[in-house]
């Protein structure tokens, strides 16, 4: 049975067996996990390609990577409210209203990303110095961040259109396009980063770190425009209809932004804490900064199932709530939490065992590999609790509760991770910062397990 057929049973009020519920979660999570996998592969390839240039070049990207995560997280957050409402309207079989919300989201997306582009370009000469970067990496770091800022419209289109398409339950196209973007990222990076004939007969522009930024930006251009075309002209439920005209509705926009605000706050808390962590690690030198960046990238393959299930859970819970099926939403929440934690327990075990191999993919520097293995093995113990945080956040968002995950992130990041990192890093170096990260994830993960079982996350009217 297809995912659309199973989602139709939710919308039509039909009962689902335990087996059908599991199949629904897996069908929706599978493409999402594949989409996350291709994104992770892109990060691996970027890191490996830049790692070939040397530790200073890798450190220049690592210096501003927390800032790019902050900006990207803000874009995703400010679009999420629209996607939650779209899933809700699809679940209630109000497709025309869902299409109206889609148009509002695209208008807001353009305004948001162009504003952020102006901010990023303005700040790019100063940001690397504020983050404590060494003099030899500031120029490359500034250029990388500027190019990233100029690509934000297409980053927004990629994330926004993917989110809207996923809200309808049509997740496969997003997964397929992520694979294509991954391949394009390799080709563009090979062309922009290295000299000609580095890879067989391929020409090259030998732009180094600047080339890495351009390669990633070009893959977003292709991905964003392709998803926009699919959304507006091919998508079954959201494609444009000639007889439907756009009328701006302040109430719809306000409701979507109300849902997005706590998520934006959550992303700001997370992103600013990551920037602060970068500021704490920077004085340790380029080697520790490069190790931190490589280790974060290496770990990302392990929390990929959590993010994939998070995306699927928002759709499932949102459509169940929209169909006024509160008990079904509760059943899905328990199933999704169990599945997410089980999968990431396995990936945590993989991280502990395979960390030497994973670090060796990015560099041949023995010091970086040794230090990276040490911090990754510490982080492996936090993976099941990180899964709890990720999937619980998706469940809460689907139920309309975007505030609680945000507050838990604020308290744990700035009340646990940053103070512990400030305390431990001067004595234990990079290892101290990752011990702080591990303790924070375990704490917030345990809290979200308890909160999920209270069912207080079910905020949308049913």
Protein backbone atom coordinates (compact mmCIF):
# COMPACT_ATOMS: atom_id res chain seq x y z
CA UNK A 1 0.00 0.00 0.00
CA UNK A 2 1.32 3.48 -0.90
CA UNK A 3 1.94 6.28 1.61
CA UNK A 4 -0.80 8.36 -0.06
CA UNK A 5 -3.33 5.53 0.37
CA UNK A 6 -2.45 5.23 4.05
CA UNK A 7 -2.62 9.01 4.57
CA UNK A 8 -6.02 8.97 2.89
CA UNK A 9 -7.20 6.50 5.53
CA UNK A 10 -6.13 8.99 8.20
CA UNK A 11 -7.97 11.85 6.48
CA UNK A 12 -11.09 9.74 5.88
CA UNK A 13 -11.38 8.56 9.49
CA UNK A 14 -10.64 4.91 8.71
CA UNK A 15 -8.93 2.70 11.28
CA UNK A 16 -5.29 1.66 10.91
CA UNK A 17 -3.82 -1.55 12.28
CA UNK A 18 -0.52 -1.50 14.16
CA UNK A 19 1.15 -2.94 11.08
CA UNK A 20 -0.29 -0.22 8.85
CA UNK A 21 0.87 2.46 11.29
CA UNK A 22 4.41 1.08 11.23
CA UNK A 23 4.35 0.89 7.43
CA UNK A 24 3.07 4.48 7.24
CA UNK A 25 5.90 5.74 9.44
CA UNK A 26 8.50 3.79 7.46
CA UNK A 27 7.12 4.85 4.08
CA UNK A 28 7.19 8.51 5.05
CA UNK A 29 10.46 8.28 6.98
CA UNK A 30 12.32 6.29 4.31
CA UNK A 31 12.46 9.02 1.67
CA UNK A 32 13.10 11.62 4.38
CA UNK A 33 16.02 9.60 5.70
CA UNK A 34 17.34 9.20 2.15
CA UNK A 35 17.01 12.95 1.68
CA UNK A 36 18.96 13.51 4.90
CA UNK A 37 21.53 10.91 3.82
CA UNK A 38 22.23 12.73 0.57
CA UNK A 39 22.56 16.01 2.47
CA UNK A 40 25.06 14.34 4.80
CA UNK A 41 26.94 12.90 1.84
CA UNK A 42 27.17 16.43 0.42
CA UNK A 43 28.67 17.57 3.73
CA UNK A 44 31.10 14.64 3.72
CA UNK A 45 32.18 15.40 0.17
CA UNK A 46 32.58 19.11 0.87
CA UNK A 47 34.65 18.38 3.97
CA UNK A 48 36.77 15.77 2.20
CA UNK A 49 37.43 18.03 -0.79
CA UNK A 50 38.31 21.04 1.33
CA UNK A 51 40.33 18.81 3.65
CA UNK A 52 42.61 18.05 0.70
CA UNK A 53 43.54 21.73 0.59
CA UNK A 54 44.93 21.72 4.15
CA UNK A 55 43.87 22.31 7.75
CA UNK A 56 43.88 26.12 7.41
CA UNK A 57 41.38 26.03 4.54
CA UNK A 58 39.21 23.57 6.44
CA UNK A 59 39.40 25.80 9.52
CA UNK A 60 38.29 28.85 7.50
CA UNK A 61 35.03 27.10 6.61
CA UNK A 62 34.67 25.67 10.11
CA UNK A 63 34.97 29.18 11.55
CA UNK A 64 31.78 30.40 9.82
CA UNK A 65 29.90 27.10 9.58
CA UNK A 66 28.06 27.74 12.85
CA UNK A 67 26.91 31.07 11.40
CA UNK A 68 25.64 29.44 8.20
CA UNK A 69 23.77 26.89 10.34
CA UNK A 70 22.20 29.77 12.27
CA UNK A 71 21.04 31.51 9.08
CA UNK A 72 19.82 28.28 7.46
CA UNK A 73 18.02 27.34 10.66
CA UNK A 74 16.26 30.70 10.74
CA UNK A 75 15.01 30.24 7.18
CA UNK A 76 13.68 26.75 7.94
CA UNK A 77 12.10 27.96 11.19
CA UNK A 78 10.26 30.94 9.72
CA UNK A 79 8.79 28.70 6.99
CA UNK A 80 7.79 25.84 9.28
CA UNK A 81 4.61 27.48 10.56
CA UNK A 82 3.21 27.61 7.03
CA UNK A 83 4.13 23.95 6.48
CA UNK A 84 2.39 22.88 9.71
CA UNK A 85 -0.79 24.69 8.64
CA UNK A 86 -0.59 23.20 5.14
CA UNK A 87 -0.35 19.67 6.62
CA UNK A 88 -3.30 20.50 8.87
CA UNK A 89 -5.43 21.75 5.95
CA UNK A 90 -4.52 18.74 3.78
CA UNK A 91 -5.54 16.47 6.66
CA UNK A 92 -8.88 18.30 6.86
CA UNK A 93 -9.28 17.96 3.06
CA UNK A 94 -9.25 21.74 2.52
CA UNK A 95 -6.85 21.71 -0.41
CA UNK A 96 -7.76 25.17 -1.74
CA UNK A 97 -6.89 26.76 1.58
CA UNK A 98 -3.61 24.79 1.59
CA UNK A 99 -2.76 26.29 -1.82
CA UNK A 100 -3.50 29.77 -0.47
CA UNK A 101 -1.08 29.12 2.39
CA UNK A 102 1.51 27.96 -0.15
CA UNK A 103 1.32 31.31 -1.95
CA UNK A 104 1.65 33.18 1.32
CA UNK A 105 4.72 31.10 2.19
CA UNK A 106 6.42 31.84 -1.14
CA UNK A 107 5.83 35.58 -0.69
CA UNK A 108 7.22 35.48 2.85
CA UNK A 109 10.15 33.33 1.69
CA UNK A 110 11.24 35.93 -0.87
CA UNK A 111 11.09 38.78 1.66
CA UNK A 112 12.88 36.77 4.38
CA UNK A 113 15.76 35.48 2.28
CA UNK A 114 16.47 38.79 0.54
CA UNK A 115 16.59 40.52 3.93
CA UNK A 116 18.98 37.88 5.30
CA UNK A 117 21.14 38.19 2.17
CA UNK A 118 21.62 41.91 2.84
CA UNK A 119 22.55 41.17 6.47
CA UNK A 120 25.04 38.41 5.55
CA UNK A 121 26.81 40.42 2.86
CA UNK A 122 27.10 43.40 5.21
CA UNK A 123 28.51 41.33 8.08
CA UNK A 124 30.83 39.09 6.03
CA UNK A 125 33.99 41.27 6.38
CA UNK A 126 33.65 41.43 10.17
CA UNK A 127 32.23 38.06 11.26
CA UNK A 128 35.45 35.97 11.13
CA UNK A 129 37.22 38.45 13.41
CA UNK A 130 34.31 38.48 15.87
CA UNK A 131 34.55 34.68 16.02
CA UNK A 132 38.24 34.85 16.97
CA UNK A 133 39.65 33.51 13.72
CA UNK A 134 43.41 33.51 13.13
CA UNK A 135 44.69 36.07 10.64
CA UNK A 136 45.59 33.46 8.00
CA UNK A 137 42.02 32.16 7.65
CA UNK A 138 39.96 35.36 7.92
CA UNK A 139 39.97 36.26 4.21
CA UNK A 140 38.76 32.83 3.04
CA UNK A 141 36.18 32.63 5.82
CA UNK A 142 34.78 36.05 4.90
CA UNK A 143 34.45 35.16 1.21
CA UNK A 144 32.79 31.81 1.99
CA UNK A 145 30.18 33.51 4.18
CA UNK A 146 29.51 36.24 1.60
CA UNK A 147 28.83 33.72 -1.17
CA UNK A 148 26.60 31.72 1.15
CA UNK A 149 24.62 34.88 1.86
CA UNK A 150 24.15 35.59 -1.85
CA UNK A 151 22.69 32.10 -2.36
CA UNK A 152 20.03 32.37 0.37
CA UNK A 153 17.07 32.85 -1.97
CA UNK A 154 17.79 29.43 -3.46
CA UNK A 155 18.55 27.88 -0.07
CA UNK A 156 15.13 29.14 1.00
CA UNK A 157 13.42 27.80 -2.10
CA UNK A 158 15.01 24.39 -1.57
CA UNK A 159 13.94 24.18 2.07
CA UNK A 160 10.57 25.90 1.71
CA UNK A 161 9.34 24.03 -1.35
CA UNK A 162 10.59 20.73 0.06
CA UNK A 163 8.71 21.39 3.30
CA UNK A 164 5.46 22.19 1.51
CA UNK A 165 5.72 19.12 -0.71
CA UNK A 166 6.46 16.93 2.32
CA UNK A 167 3.44 18.38 4.13
CA UNK A 168 1.21 16.76 1.50
CA UNK A 169 2.87 13.38 2.08
CA UNK A 170 4.67 13.49 -1.29
CA UNK A 171 8.17 12.90 0.06
CA UNK A 172 9.76 10.78 -2.70
CA UNK A 173 10.40 13.68 -5.09
CA UNK A 174 12.31 15.52 -2.37
CA UNK A 175 14.49 12.48 -1.73
CA UNK A 176 15.20 12.02 -5.45
CA UNK A 177 16.13 15.67 -5.89
CA UNK A 178 18.46 15.51 -2.90
CA UNK A 179 20.33 12.69 -4.62
CA UNK A 180 20.62 14.83 -7.76
CA UNK A 181 21.81 17.81 -5.69
CA UNK A 182 24.42 15.59 -4.08
CA UNK A 183 25.81 14.56 -7.46
CA UNK A 184 25.76 18.14 -8.70
CA UNK A 185 27.58 19.30 -5.57
CA UNK A 186 30.41 16.88 -6.34
CA UNK A 187 30.66 18.06 -9.93
CA UNK A 188 30.44 21.76 -9.10
CA UNK A 189 32.97 21.41 -6.26
CA UNK A 190 35.41 19.52 -8.46
CA UNK A 191 35.12 22.27 -11.07
CA UNK A 192 35.35 25.29 -8.77
CA UNK A 193 37.77 24.10 -6.03
CA UNK A 194 40.59 22.36 -7.91
CA UNK A 195 42.84 22.99 -10.93
CA UNK A 196 42.03 21.43 -14.29
CA UNK A 197 42.63 17.68 -14.65
CA UNK A 198 42.64 17.04 -10.87
CA UNK A 199 39.83 14.60 -11.61
CA UNK A 200 40.64 12.95 -14.91
CA UNK A 201 39.72 15.22 -17.83
CA UNK A 202 37.49 17.66 -15.89
CA UNK A 203 38.36 21.36 -16.20
CA UNK A 204 38.82 23.34 -13.00
CA UNK A 205 38.98 26.94 -11.78
CA UNK A 206 41.29 26.35 -8.78
CA UNK A 207 39.35 28.70 -6.46
CA UNK A 208 39.89 26.75 -3.23
CA UNK A 209 37.58 27.76 -0.39
CA UNK A 210 35.76 30.24 -2.64
CA UNK A 211 35.12 27.38 -5.04
CA UNK A 212 33.63 25.26 -2.25
CA UNK A 213 31.11 28.02 -1.54
CA UNK A 214 30.27 28.44 -5.23
CA UNK A 215 29.83 24.69 -5.76
CA UNK A 216 27.36 24.36 -2.91
CA UNK A 217 25.54 27.53 -3.98
CA UNK A 218 25.08 26.25 -7.53
CA UNK A 219 23.59 22.97 -6.30
CA UNK A 220 21.04 24.99 -4.29
CA UNK A 221 20.19 27.06 -7.37
CA UNK A 222 19.35 23.92 -9.34
CA UNK A 223 17.53 22.26 -6.42
CA UNK A 224 15.50 25.31 -5.43
CA UNK A 225 14.28 26.10 -8.96
CA UNK A 226 13.44 22.44 -9.67
CA UNK A 227 11.38 22.09 -6.48
CA UNK A 228 9.60 25.38 -7.20
CA UNK A 229 8.57 24.14 -10.65
CA UNK A 230 7.38 20.81 -9.21
CA UNK A 231 5.44 22.53 -6.44
CA UNK A 232 3.67 25.06 -8.67
CA UNK A 233 2.99 22.97 -11.76
CA UNK A 234 3.15 19.24 -10.92
CA UNK A 235 2.26 18.64 -7.25
CA UNK A 236 -1.17 16.99 -7.04
CA UNK A 237 -2.57 19.00 -4.14
CA UNK A 238 -0.62 22.27 -4.28
CA UNK A 239 -0.09 23.03 -7.96
CA UNK A 240 -1.46 26.37 -9.14
CA UNK A 241 -5.04 26.50 -10.45
CA UNK A 242 -6.02 29.07 -13.09
CA UNK A 243 -9.36 29.75 -11.40
CA UNK A 244 -7.81 30.52 -7.99
CA UNK A 245 -6.50 34.04 -7.45
CA UNK A 246 -4.19 35.16 -4.70
CA UNK A 247 -5.64 37.33 -1.94
CA UNK A 248 -3.28 38.30 0.85
CA UNK A 249 -4.66 37.19 4.22
CA UNK A 250 -2.99 38.82 7.21
CA UNK A 251 -4.66 36.39 9.61
CA UNK A 252 -3.17 33.32 7.89
CA UNK A 253 0.28 34.89 7.78
CA UNK A 254 0.07 35.92 11.43
CA UNK A 255 -0.98 32.40 12.49
CA UNK A 256 1.88 30.80 10.54
CA UNK A 257 4.42 33.24 11.98
CA UNK A 258 3.01 32.65 15.47
CA UNK A 259 3.80 28.95 15.06
CA UNK A 260 7.21 29.77 13.57
CA UNK A 261 8.30 32.24 16.24
CA UNK A 262 9.19 29.69 18.96
CA UNK A 263 10.99 27.56 16.36
CA UNK A 264 12.92 30.60 15.16
CA UNK A 265 13.80 31.33 18.76
CA UNK A 266 14.88 27.70 19.17
CA UNK A 267 17.10 27.88 16.08
CA UNK A 268 18.55 31.19 17.26
CA UNK A 269 19.33 29.68 20.65
CA UNK A 270 20.94 26.64 19.03
CA UNK A 271 22.78 28.60 16.34
CA UNK A 272 24.05 31.32 18.68
CA UNK A 273 25.20 28.66 21.14
CA UNK A 274 27.10 26.93 18.32
CA UNK A 275 28.70 30.28 17.43
CA UNK A 276 29.65 30.72 21.08
CA UNK A 277 31.11 27.21 21.08
CA UNK A 278 33.15 28.12 18.00
CA UNK A 279 34.37 31.22 19.87
CA UNK A 280 35.39 29.00 22.80
CA UNK A 281 37.22 26.51 20.54
CA UNK A 282 38.91 29.07 18.23
CA UNK A 283 41.72 29.97 20.70
CA UNK A 284 42.76 26.31 20.67
CA UNK A 285 44.06 26.88 17.13
CA UNK A 286 43.24 25.81 13.53
CA UNK A 287 43.90 22.13 14.23
CA UNK A 288 41.25 21.90 16.97
CA UNK A 289 38.84 24.02 14.91
CA UNK A 290 39.29 21.78 11.86
CA UNK A 291 38.90 18.66 14.04
CA UNK A 292 35.68 20.05 15.51
CA UNK A 293 34.28 20.72 12.04
CA UNK A 294 35.24 17.28 10.71
CA UNK A 295 33.83 15.54 13.80
CA UNK A 296 30.52 17.41 13.54
CA UNK A 297 30.29 16.36 9.89
CA UNK A 298 31.22 12.75 10.73
CA UNK A 299 28.57 12.57 13.44
CA UNK A 300 25.87 13.92 11.13
CA UNK A 301 25.43 10.57 9.39
CA UNK A 302 24.39 9.08 12.74
CA UNK A 303 21.57 11.51 13.51
CA UNK A 304 20.28 11.35 9.93
CA UNK A 305 17.52 8.82 10.88
CA UNK A 306 16.33 11.17 13.61
CA UNK A 307 15.95 14.11 11.27
CA UNK A 308 14.26 11.94 8.64
CA UNK A 309 11.72 10.63 11.15
CA UNK A 310 11.25 14.15 12.52
CA UNK A 311 10.09 15.37 9.10
CA UNK A 312 7.74 12.42 8.69
CA UNK A 313 6.34 12.84 12.21
CA UNK A 314 5.35 16.46 11.61
CA UNK A 315 3.36 15.37 8.53
CA UNK A 316 1.75 12.37 10.26
CA UNK A 317 0.83 14.17 13.46
CA UNK A 318 -0.28 17.29 11.59
CA UNK A 319 -2.60 15.36 9.28
CA UNK A 320 -3.95 13.23 12.16
CA UNK A 321 -4.76 16.37 14.13
CA UNK A 322 -6.27 18.01 11.07
CA UNK A 323 -8.51 14.97 10.63
CA UNK A 324 -9.58 15.35 14.31
CA UNK A 325 -8.03 12.02 15.29
CA UNK A 326 -6.37 12.79 18.60
CA UNK A 327 -6.00 9.18 19.76
CA UNK A 328 -4.34 8.20 16.49
CA UNK A 329 -1.88 11.09 16.91
CA UNK A 330 -1.01 9.75 20.39
CA UNK A 331 -0.43 6.25 19.00
CA UNK A 332 1.78 7.60 16.23
CA UNK A 333 3.79 9.67 18.73
CA UNK A 334 4.67 6.60 20.83
CA UNK A 335 5.55 4.55 17.76
CA UNK A 336 7.69 7.30 16.25
CA UNK A 337 9.63 7.88 19.49
CA UNK A 338 10.39 4.16 19.86
CA UNK A 339 11.50 3.84 16.24
CA UNK A 340 13.68 6.95 16.34
CA UNK A 341 15.50 6.02 19.54
CA UNK A 342 16.04 2.44 18.39
CA UNK A 343 17.58 3.49 15.08
CA UNK A 344 19.87 6.08 16.64
CA UNK A 345 21.03 3.65 19.30
CA UNK A 346 22.32 1.54 16.43
CA UNK A 347 23.92 4.53 14.70
CA UNK A 348 25.55 5.51 18.01
CA UNK A 349 27.13 2.06 18.20
CA UNK A 350 28.30 2.48 14.61
CA UNK A 351 29.80 5.89 15.48
CA UNK A 352 31.77 4.43 18.36
CA UNK A 353 33.20 1.59 16.26
CA UNK A 354 33.73 3.34 12.92
CA UNK A 355 34.98 6.75 14.10
CA UNK A 356 38.62 6.14 13.00
CA UNK A 357 37.48 5.31 9.47
CA UNK A 358 35.06 8.24 9.39
CA UNK A 359 37.71 10.78 10.40
CA UNK A 360 40.20 9.36 7.90
CA UNK A 361 37.78 10.25 5.09
CA UNK A 362 38.43 13.96 5.69
CA UNK A 363 42.14 14.20 6.37
CA UNK A 364 45.41 12.29 6.61
CA UNK A 365 46.60 14.40 9.57
CA UNK A 366 47.15 11.90 12.41
CA UNK A 367 46.62 14.47 15.17
CA UNK A 368 43.24 15.49 13.76
CA UNK A 369 42.16 11.87 13.32
CA UNK A 370 43.21 10.89 16.86
CA UNK A 371 41.46 13.86 18.48
CA UNK A 372 38.37 13.40 16.28
CA UNK A 373 38.02 9.73 17.27
CA UNK A 374 38.19 10.68 20.94
CA UNK A 375 35.39 13.26 20.78
CA UNK A 376 33.18 11.12 18.52
CA UNK A 377 33.33 8.21 20.94
CA UNK A 378 32.20 10.51 23.72
CA UNK A 379 29.29 11.74 21.60
CA UNK A 380 28.21 8.19 20.68
CA UNK A 381 26.69 7.76 24.16
CA UNK A 382 24.32 10.70 23.56
CA UNK A 383 22.84 9.50 20.25
CA UNK A 384 19.69 7.75 21.65
CA UNK A 385 18.82 10.88 23.66
CA UNK A 386 19.53 13.10 20.66
CA UNK A 387 17.00 10.94 18.82
CA UNK A 388 14.46 11.65 21.56
CA UNK A 389 15.00 15.40 21.13
CA UNK A 390 14.73 15.26 17.33
CA UNK A 391 11.62 13.11 16.95
CA UNK A 392 9.84 14.68 19.93
CA UNK A 393 10.39 18.09 18.34
CA UNK A 394 8.78 16.86 15.11
CA UNK A 395 5.84 15.39 17.04
CA UNK A 396 5.31 18.57 19.05
CA UNK A 397 5.43 20.70 15.90
CA UNK A 398 2.86 18.49 14.20
CA UNK A 399 0.61 18.94 17.23
CA UNK A 400 1.04 22.73 17.16
CA UNK A 401 3.38 22.95 20.19
CA UNK A 402 6.45 24.74 18.90
CA UNK A 403 7.19 26.49 22.20
CA UNK A 404 8.19 23.62 24.51
CA UNK A 405 11.03 22.23 22.34
CA UNK A 406 12.34 25.78 21.96
CA UNK A 407 12.37 26.46 25.70
CA UNK A 408 14.02 23.12 26.41
CA UNK A 409 16.70 23.95 23.84
CA UNK A 410 17.28 27.39 25.38
CA UNK A 411 17.64 26.10 28.92
CA UNK A 412 19.84 23.13 28.02
CA UNK A 413 22.13 24.95 25.57
CA UNK A 414 22.79 28.06 27.63
CA UNK A 415 22.26 26.48 31.05
CA UNK A 416 24.27 23.28 30.49
CA UNK A 417 26.33 23.10 27.27
CA UNK A 418 27.90 26.57 27.17
CA UNK A 419 28.72 26.87 30.92
CA UNK A 420 30.22 23.37 30.93
CA UNK A 421 32.21 24.10 27.75
CA UNK A 422 33.58 27.30 29.31
CA UNK A 423 34.54 25.32 32.39
CA UNK A 424 36.00 22.21 30.73
CA UNK A 425 37.62 23.44 27.49
CA UNK A 426 40.53 25.34 29.14
CA UNK A 427 41.48 22.16 31.02
CA UNK A 428 40.65 19.39 28.52
CA UNK A 429 40.75 21.20 25.16
CA UNK A 430 38.31 20.11 22.45
CA UNK A 431 37.44 16.99 24.47
CA UNK A 432 35.98 19.21 27.19
CA UNK A 433 33.67 20.96 24.72
CA UNK A 434 32.34 17.62 23.46
CA UNK A 435 31.81 16.28 27.00
CA UNK A 436 29.64 19.35 27.59
CA UNK A 437 27.70 18.61 24.38
CA UNK A 438 27.12 14.99 25.40
CA UNK A 439 25.80 15.91 28.87
CA UNK A 440 23.45 18.54 27.39
CA UNK A 441 21.94 16.14 24.82
CA UNK A 442 21.33 13.42 27.40
CA UNK A 443 19.61 15.91 29.73
CA UNK A 444 17.28 17.47 27.15
CA UNK A 445 16.53 14.08 25.57
CA UNK A 446 15.34 12.66 28.89
CA UNK A 447 13.15 15.71 29.49
CA UNK A 448 11.47 15.40 26.07
CA UNK A 449 10.67 11.71 26.68
CA UNK A 450 8.86 12.65 29.88
CA UNK A 451 7.09 15.62 28.27
CA UNK A 452 5.88 13.61 25.29
CA UNK A 453 4.12 11.15 27.57
CA UNK A 454 2.08 13.97 29.18
CA UNK A 455 0.31 14.64 25.83
CA UNK A 456 0.48 18.39 26.54
CA UNK A 457 2.01 18.91 23.11
CA UNK A 458 -1.41 18.55 21.42
CA UNK A 459 -2.18 22.25 20.95
CA UNK A 460 -4.04 22.40 17.62
CA UNK A 461 -7.81 22.39 17.80
CA UNK A 462 -9.32 18.95 17.11
